Protein backbone atom coordinates (compact mmCIF):
# COMPACT_ATOMS: atom_id res chain seq x y z
CA UNK A 1 13.92 74.93 -36.05
CA UNK A 2 10.88 72.60 -35.25
CA UNK A 3 11.49 68.95 -35.08
CA UNK A 4 8.83 67.05 -36.99
CA UNK A 5 10.48 63.82 -37.69
CA UNK A 6 13.04 61.93 -35.91
CA UNK A 7 14.14 58.59 -37.37
CA UNK A 8 17.48 55.99 -36.97
CA UNK A 9 19.09 53.47 -38.74
CA UNK A 10 21.71 50.69 -38.40
CA UNK A 11 24.75 51.81 -40.07
CA UNK A 12 28.38 50.23 -40.25
CA UNK A 13 31.48 52.14 -39.20
CA UNK A 14 34.81 51.47 -40.68
CA UNK A 15 35.67 48.27 -38.96
CA UNK A 16 32.70 47.09 -40.36
CA UNK A 17 30.99 47.60 -36.56
CA UNK A 18 27.07 48.11 -35.98
CA UNK A 19 26.42 51.90 -34.96
CA UNK A 20 23.58 54.47 -35.58
CA UNK A 21 22.65 56.87 -37.73
CA UNK A 22 20.11 59.37 -36.63
CA UNK A 23 17.62 61.34 -39.32
CA UNK A 24 16.22 64.91 -38.22
CA UNK A 25 13.33 66.12 -40.42
CA UNK A 26 14.57 63.80 -43.12
CA UNK A 27 16.90 65.66 -44.53
CA UNK A 28 19.68 66.44 -41.92
CA UNK A 29 21.14 63.32 -40.64
CA UNK A 30 24.29 62.76 -37.90
CA UNK A 31 26.28 59.00 -36.81
CA UNK A 32 28.81 58.18 -33.94
CA UNK A 33 32.17 55.85 -33.84
CA UNK A 34 33.16 52.92 -31.89
CA UNK A 35 36.85 53.27 -30.77
CA UNK A 36 38.97 50.14 -30.03
CA UNK A 37 40.83 51.49 -27.92
CA UNK A 38 38.53 52.77 -24.98
CA UNK A 39 38.97 53.88 -21.87
CA UNK A 40 37.13 52.02 -18.95
CA UNK A 41 35.71 55.26 -17.63
CA UNK A 42 34.26 55.70 -21.04
CA UNK A 43 30.31 55.63 -21.33
CA UNK A 44 28.83 52.66 -23.70
CA UNK A 45 28.76 53.74 -27.13
CA UNK A 46 25.70 51.39 -27.86
CA UNK A 47 23.49 49.99 -25.02
CA UNK A 48 24.23 46.54 -23.70
CA UNK A 49 21.58 45.00 -25.47
CA UNK A 50 22.51 46.37 -28.60
CA UNK A 51 21.07 49.20 -30.96
CA UNK A 52 17.33 50.30 -29.80
CA UNK A 53 16.32 51.61 -32.69
CA UNK A 54 12.84 51.88 -31.44
CA UNK A 55 14.12 54.18 -28.71
CA UNK A 56 14.68 56.42 -31.56
CA UNK A 57 11.78 55.86 -33.65
CA UNK A 58 9.28 55.91 -31.36
CA UNK A 59 10.13 57.26 -27.83
CA UNK A 60 12.55 59.82 -28.84
CA UNK A 61 10.22 60.78 -31.79
CA UNK A 62 7.19 60.92 -30.02
CA UNK A 63 8.96 63.03 -27.02
CA UNK A 64 10.88 65.12 -29.13
CA UNK A 65 8.21 66.17 -32.15
CA UNK A 66 7.06 69.66 -32.03
CA UNK A 67 10.27 71.07 -29.81
CA UNK A 68 11.81 74.16 -31.13
CA UNK A 69 15.58 73.71 -31.10
CA UNK A 70 17.18 77.16 -31.61
CA UNK A 71 20.47 77.44 -29.47
CA UNK A 72 23.76 74.99 -28.77
CA UNK A 73 22.11 74.87 -25.23
CA UNK A 74 18.51 73.51 -26.49
CA UNK A 75 20.75 70.44 -26.37
CA UNK A 76 20.31 70.21 -22.83
CA UNK A 77 16.39 69.81 -22.39
CA UNK A 78 17.05 67.30 -25.66
CA UNK A 79 19.99 65.43 -23.21
CA UNK A 80 17.59 65.87 -19.85
CA UNK A 81 14.90 64.07 -21.91
CA UNK A 82 16.81 61.08 -22.61
CA UNK A 83 18.73 60.79 -19.43
CA UNK A 84 14.79 59.78 -18.10
CA UNK A 85 15.00 56.96 -19.80
CA UNK A 86 18.58 56.33 -18.80
CA UNK A 87 19.78 57.49 -15.65
CA UNK A 88 23.23 55.09 -15.26
CA UNK A 89 26.31 56.81 -15.12
CA UNK A 90 27.90 55.03 -17.96
CA UNK A 91 24.22 55.21 -20.74
CA UNK A 92 24.04 51.25 -20.68
CA UNK A 93 20.27 51.50 -21.18
CA UNK A 94 20.61 53.69 -24.40
CA UNK A 95 24.33 54.33 -25.18
CA UNK A 96 25.93 57.48 -26.33
CA UNK A 97 26.21 56.74 -29.95
CA UNK A 98 22.18 57.79 -29.93
CA UNK A 99 22.43 60.91 -27.94
CA UNK A 100 25.10 62.41 -30.07
CA UNK A 101 23.92 60.97 -33.64
CA UNK A 102 20.65 63.14 -32.88
CA UNK A 103 22.43 65.89 -31.35
CA UNK A 104 24.35 66.14 -34.88
CA UNK A 105 21.56 65.80 -36.39
CA UNK A 106 20.26 68.75 -35.21
CA UNK A 107 22.64 71.07 -35.53
CA UNK A 108 22.64 70.39 -38.49
CA UNK A 109 19.38 70.71 -39.13
CA UNK A 110 19.30 74.36 -37.08
CA UNK A 111 21.99 75.92 -38.81
CA UNK A 112 21.19 73.96 -42.67
CA UNK A 113 24.46 72.62 -42.09
CA UNK A 114 26.61 75.46 -41.29
CA UNK A 115 27.60 74.13 -37.65
CA UNK A 116 31.00 75.82 -37.17
CA UNK A 117 29.06 78.75 -38.20
CA UNK A 118 26.24 78.08 -35.48
CA UNK A 119 28.71 77.96 -32.93
CA UNK A 120 30.75 80.86 -33.69
CA UNK A 121 30.10 82.91 -36.37
CA UNK A 122 33.03 84.73 -35.94
CA UNK A 123 35.25 81.50 -35.83
CA UNK A 124 38.19 81.67 -38.38
CA UNK A 125 40.82 79.79 -36.58
CA UNK A 126 41.77 76.14 -38.41
CA UNK A 127 42.98 73.41 -36.53
CA UNK A 128 46.25 71.76 -36.59
CA UNK A 129 45.84 68.47 -37.73
CA UNK A 130 47.58 65.58 -36.27
CA UNK A 131 48.08 62.97 -38.75
CA UNK A 132 48.31 59.33 -37.55
CA UNK A 133 51.06 58.16 -39.39
CA UNK A 134 52.07 54.88 -38.73
CA UNK A 135 50.04 52.78 -35.57
CA UNK A 136 49.38 49.69 -34.29
CA UNK A 137 48.63 48.56 -30.76
CA UNK A 138 44.62 47.83 -30.21
CA UNK A 139 43.98 49.36 -33.77
CA UNK A 140 45.25 46.11 -35.30
CA UNK A 141 44.72 42.80 -34.96
CA UNK A 142 47.80 41.10 -35.52
CA UNK A 143 51.66 42.02 -34.71
CA UNK A 144 52.31 45.43 -34.97
CA UNK A 145 54.65 47.98 -33.03
CA UNK A 146 54.25 48.18 -29.44
CA UNK A 147 53.13 52.23 -29.30
CA UNK A 148 49.51 52.64 -30.73
CA UNK A 149 50.27 55.94 -32.91
CA UNK A 150 53.11 57.63 -34.33
CA UNK A 151 51.64 61.27 -35.37
CA UNK A 152 52.75 64.12 -37.58
CA UNK A 153 52.27 67.65 -36.20
CA UNK A 154 53.05 69.69 -39.52
CA UNK A 155 53.19 74.06 -39.05
CA UNK A 156 51.94 75.60 -42.04
CA UNK A 157 50.19 78.65 -43.16
CA UNK A 158 47.43 77.13 -43.67
CA UNK A 159 45.05 73.74 -43.02
CA UNK A 160 46.00 72.75 -46.77
CA UNK A 161 49.22 72.96 -46.14
CA UNK A 162 49.50 71.05 -43.43
CA UNK A 163 47.15 68.35 -44.95
CA UNK A 164 49.45 68.44 -47.86
CA UNK A 165 52.55 67.78 -45.40
CA UNK A 166 50.81 65.02 -43.53
CA UNK A 167 49.76 62.99 -46.91
CA UNK A 168 53.42 63.75 -48.69
CA UNK A 169 55.61 62.51 -45.32
CA UNK A 170 52.65 59.50 -45.35
CA UNK A 171 53.22 58.59 -48.98
CA UNK A 172 57.72 58.53 -48.56
CA UNK A 173 56.76 56.45 -45.38
CA UNK A 174 55.14 53.74 -47.42
CA UNK A 175 58.16 53.90 -50.12
CA UNK A 176 61.04 53.54 -47.38
CA UNK A 177 59.15 51.70 -44.18
CA UNK A 178 57.94 49.06 -46.87
CA UNK A 179 54.63 48.42 -44.49
CA UNK A 180 52.73 45.13 -44.29
CA UNK A 181 49.42 47.15 -44.53
CA UNK A 182 47.37 49.41 -42.38
CA UNK A 183 45.64 49.58 -39.46
CA UNK A 184 42.40 50.70 -38.36
CA UNK A 185 42.97 53.91 -38.93
CA UNK A 186 45.03 53.87 -41.89
CA UNK A 187 47.98 54.16 -40.30
CA UNK A 188 50.88 52.11 -41.75
CA UNK A 189 51.40 48.90 -39.74
CA UNK A 190 54.94 47.82 -39.36
CA UNK A 191 56.81 45.18 -36.64
CA UNK A 192 59.56 47.75 -36.46
CA UNK A 193 60.55 49.27 -33.38
CA UNK A 194 59.95 52.55 -31.75
CA UNK A 195 63.98 54.21 -32.45
CA UNK A 196 63.84 53.22 -35.80
CA UNK A 197 60.37 54.57 -36.66
CA UNK A 198 61.00 57.98 -35.08
CA UNK A 199 64.49 57.91 -36.86
CA UNK A 200 62.91 57.27 -40.50
CA UNK A 201 60.46 59.76 -39.28
CA UNK A 202 63.09 62.33 -38.04
CA UNK A 203 65.17 62.02 -41.58
CA UNK A 204 61.85 62.35 -43.64
CA UNK A 205 60.25 65.34 -41.56
CA UNK A 206 63.85 66.92 -41.72
CA UNK A 207 63.78 66.35 -45.63
CA UNK A 208 60.52 67.99 -45.88
CA UNK A 209 61.56 70.99 -44.23
CA UNK A 210 64.07 71.78 -46.65
CA UNK A 211 62.67 70.98 -49.27
CA UNK A 212 58.90 72.91 -48.79
CA UNK A 213 60.04 75.07 -45.77
CA UNK A 214 56.80 73.35 -43.49
CA UNK A 215 58.31 72.54 -39.97
CA UNK A 216 56.67 68.76 -39.31
CA UNK A 217 57.03 67.67 -35.41
CA UNK A 218 56.58 64.68 -34.46
CA UNK A 219 54.49 62.81 -31.82
CA UNK A 220 53.54 59.57 -30.10
CA UNK A 221 50.07 58.42 -29.02
CA UNK A 222 51.66 55.28 -26.64
CA UNK A 223 47.86 54.03 -25.00
CA UNK A 224 50.14 52.86 -22.52
CA UNK A 225 46.93 51.41 -20.60
CA UNK A 226 47.24 48.22 -23.13
CA UNK A 227 50.60 47.38 -22.24
CA UNK A 228 50.32 48.13 -18.48
CA UNK A 229 49.32 44.77 -16.19
CA UNK A 230 50.28 43.68 -12.83
CA UNK A 231 52.48 46.94 -12.29
CA UNK A 232 54.42 46.77 -15.63
CA UNK A 233 54.71 48.05 -18.69
CA UNK A 234 54.73 44.87 -21.29
CA UNK A 235 57.00 45.55 -24.62
CA UNK A 236 57.76 42.75 -27.21
CA UNK A 237 61.34 42.82 -26.05
CA UNK A 238 60.72 42.82 -21.98
CA UNK A 239 58.80 44.41 -19.62
CA UNK A 240 59.16 47.75 -17.58
CA UNK A 241 58.07 49.27 -13.95
CA UNK A 242 56.48 52.52 -13.89
CA UNK A 243 59.60 54.86 -13.03
CA UNK A 244 61.60 52.39 -16.03
CA UNK A 245 58.39 53.69 -18.26
CA UNK A 246 58.61 57.46 -17.44
CA UNK A 247 62.45 57.14 -18.08
CA UNK A 248 61.74 55.40 -21.13
CA UNK A 249 59.22 57.85 -22.92
CA UNK A 250 61.46 61.10 -21.71
CA UNK A 251 64.32 59.47 -23.43
CA UNK A 252 62.47 59.40 -26.51
CA UNK A 253 61.27 62.84 -26.06
CA UNK A 254 64.17 64.27 -25.43
CA UNK A 255 66.05 62.23 -28.51
CA UNK A 256 63.87 63.10 -31.21
CA UNK A 257 62.38 66.65 -29.81
CA UNK A 258 58.80 64.98 -29.39
CA UNK A 259 55.86 67.52 -29.49
CA UNK A 260 53.38 65.62 -27.94
CA UNK A 261 52.98 62.45 -26.06
CA UNK A 262 49.53 61.05 -25.11
CA UNK A 263 48.65 58.33 -22.67
CA UNK A 264 52.67 57.66 -21.64
CA UNK A 265 51.04 55.83 -18.51
CA UNK A 266 48.27 53.61 -17.09
CA UNK A 267 44.85 55.29 -17.14
CA UNK A 268 45.25 55.66 -13.45
CA UNK A 269 48.66 57.38 -12.78
CA UNK A 270 47.49 61.17 -12.36
CA UNK A 271 50.64 61.53 -10.28
CA UNK A 272 53.26 59.57 -13.28
CA UNK A 273 51.55 62.18 -15.97
CA UNK A 274 53.69 64.72 -14.15
CA UNK A 275 57.17 63.34 -14.24
CA UNK A 276 56.81 63.29 -18.11
CA UNK A 277 58.86 65.62 -20.24
CA UNK A 278 57.37 67.11 -23.38
CA UNK A 279 55.72 69.80 -24.96
CA UNK A 280 52.18 68.49 -25.05
CA UNK A 281 51.42 66.03 -22.41
CA UNK A 282 48.42 64.63 -23.14
CA UNK A 283 45.42 62.47 -20.97
CA UNK A 284 43.38 60.50 -23.30
CA UNK A 285 42.15 57.48 -21.46
CA UNK A 286 43.40 58.80 -18.62
CA UNK A 287 40.32 61.82 -19.15
CA UNK A 288 37.90 59.89 -20.94
CA UNK A 289 36.76 63.43 -22.01
CA UNK A 290 35.18 63.94 -18.26
CA UNK A 291 35.22 66.93 -16.41
CA UNK A 292 36.00 65.56 -13.15
CA UNK A 293 39.02 63.57 -14.02
CA UNK A 294 39.82 66.50 -16.19
CA UNK A 295 39.74 68.52 -12.95
CA UNK A 296 41.82 65.56 -10.66
CA UNK A 297 44.53 65.89 -13.45
CA UNK A 298 44.65 69.52 -13.34
CA UNK A 299 48.57 70.31 -13.50
CA UNK A 300 49.46 66.58 -14.16
CA UNK A 301 48.92 67.55 -18.08
CA UNK A 302 48.97 70.15 -20.62
CA UNK A 303 46.98 68.74 -23.27
CA UNK A 304 43.45 66.56 -23.04
CA UNK A 305 41.73 64.53 -25.96
CA UNK A 306 38.28 65.60 -26.85
CA UNK A 307 36.01 62.52 -27.83
CA UNK A 308 32.21 63.17 -27.35
CA UNK A 309 31.44 59.34 -27.58
CA UNK A 310 33.75 58.86 -24.29
CA UNK A 311 30.63 61.07 -22.30
CA UNK A 312 27.52 60.50 -24.53
CA UNK A 313 26.57 64.35 -24.56
CA UNK A 314 27.54 67.37 -26.65
CA UNK A 315 26.57 69.61 -23.48
CA UNK A 316 29.32 67.99 -21.40
CA UNK A 317 31.90 67.55 -24.34
CA UNK A 318 31.73 71.80 -24.65
CA UNK A 319 31.86 72.30 -20.63
CA UNK A 320 35.12 70.17 -20.72
CA UNK A 321 36.69 71.97 -23.81
CA UNK A 322 35.64 75.33 -21.50
CA UNK A 323 37.38 74.11 -18.50
CA UNK A 324 40.55 73.33 -20.41
CA UNK A 325 40.93 76.54 -21.92
CA UNK A 326 40.19 78.26 -18.66
CA UNK A 327 42.74 76.17 -17.15
CA UNK A 328 45.57 76.22 -19.70
CA UNK A 329 45.09 72.87 -20.79
CA UNK A 330 45.09 72.49 -24.54
CA UNK A 331 42.47 70.51 -26.34
CA UNK A 332 42.78 68.07 -29.27
CA UNK A 333 39.56 66.83 -30.68
CA UNK A 334 39.86 63.18 -31.75
CA UNK A 335 37.96 60.58 -34.15
CA UNK A 336 38.00 57.35 -32.78
CA UNK A 337 39.62 53.90 -34.91
CA UNK A 338 35.47 52.95 -36.21
CA UNK A 339 34.93 55.54 -37.54
CA UNK A 340 31.82 56.71 -39.73
CA UNK A 341 31.79 59.31 -42.80
CA UNK A 342 30.39 62.25 -40.49
CA UNK A 343 32.50 64.93 -40.55
CA UNK A 344 31.16 67.11 -37.77
CA UNK A 345 34.25 67.08 -35.57
CA UNK A 346 35.57 69.61 -38.33
CA UNK A 347 32.62 71.55 -37.71
CA UNK A 348 33.38 71.73 -33.53
CA UNK A 349 37.04 72.21 -33.79
CA UNK A 350 36.47 75.19 -35.75
CA UNK A 351 33.40 76.47 -33.77
CA UNK A 352 34.62 75.28 -30.42
CA UNK A 353 38.15 76.90 -31.55
CA UNK A 354 40.03 73.80 -30.68
CA UNK A 355 43.73 74.68 -31.80
CA UNK A 356 44.74 70.67 -32.90
CA UNK A 357 42.07 68.17 -34.70
CA UNK A 358 43.80 64.23 -34.43
CA UNK A 359 43.26 62.49 -37.85
CA UNK A 360 43.39 59.79 -39.84
CA UNK A 361 45.62 60.51 -43.13
CA UNK A 362 44.65 57.80 -45.64
CA UNK A 363 40.78 56.48 -45.83
CA UNK A 364 37.16 57.60 -46.47
CA UNK A 365 36.38 58.16 -43.43
CA UNK A 366 39.38 59.88 -42.34
CA UNK A 367 39.29 62.02 -45.80
CA UNK A 368 35.73 63.57 -45.22
CA UNK A 369 36.97 65.14 -42.33
CA UNK A 370 39.85 66.29 -43.70
CA UNK A 371 38.38 67.82 -47.00
CA UNK A 372 35.30 69.63 -44.55
CA UNK A 373 38.03 71.75 -43.13
CA UNK A 374 39.61 72.29 -46.54
CA UNK A 375 35.40 73.85 -47.58
CA UNK A 376 35.36 75.93 -43.90
CA UNK A 377 39.22 77.38 -44.45
CA UNK A 378 37.58 78.60 -48.17
CA UNK A 379 34.84 79.78 -46.96
CA UNK A 380 36.52 81.91 -44.12
CA UNK A 381 38.41 83.19 -46.95
CA UNK A 382 35.86 84.05 -49.13
CA UNK A 383 34.12 86.12 -46.65
CA UNK A 384 36.80 87.64 -44.29
């Protein structure tokens, strides 16, 4: 595929914030989201001066016009071209979203919108969707839960079964919880404490198993860095020292048989993560999709969140995924709270054989990813 035209425009994400969409050869587009719960080691999503449209429409168009993009590794040359204009560690001059939006568009152009096949034409595994059911924290600008996300983890025989399980339980939660609204990711908002919410989810998942014979586990995204200050973890009902935070999370994990706990401690407490007892102990703010931080966390976690715009490079993102797999750390590709309708993380999950994808259950920006995975599942079944 030969690059003939690159153009960019400003669009709004699901929170109404400005981000960028890049189009290649007038037909193939990509856009990147913006997070609210942001790790301090993430790159800038946009340049410090805002969205640098002239850089896309003039500089990049001129620099890359005529370039032949044929395989995934060709993105290295694309990135190296951009890094000549921004060699800062956190991409403060250009912003990671410009790079990713361009890379997403290039992958679509090279594959005629079959990115998952372009990445691996033998790919046939669909990820399990971790559905954000009840939430708060930085994903809501008002009083809510202390923890950022209460997640559903279905184990059906197909992605469609799993998507159905998440949606069904999500609707049952609405009936019984009487929520005060939805947060940025479409999760139900409540001011109830964690144990009350977990009791409800435990009952509902057990009822669902009895009715549909699909087991659904439960997980947490504590987003503990947002609770941490001055050596304490601050909750609505008081504060906890580090050792008591560890005990609190482990008690919840044991009592509710949690399958997954994400960011249970501050983003610099590498050693503390090793003290958390759970089937999947996942690092998000701890790692920020950064290979060096993942290597530092080795043995302290057994799961890692993958968010391409935390690192601003698909080449670097793939390196993190590959290193994690080699070292028995489970990758979980994830949406962001300020999402766009771009569905490419669904293709990346299948094409890179990532076993879990973290998604919302409600909202058009979330449903584009879910529907894309349903489509890919149908394509795989048609062409086994």
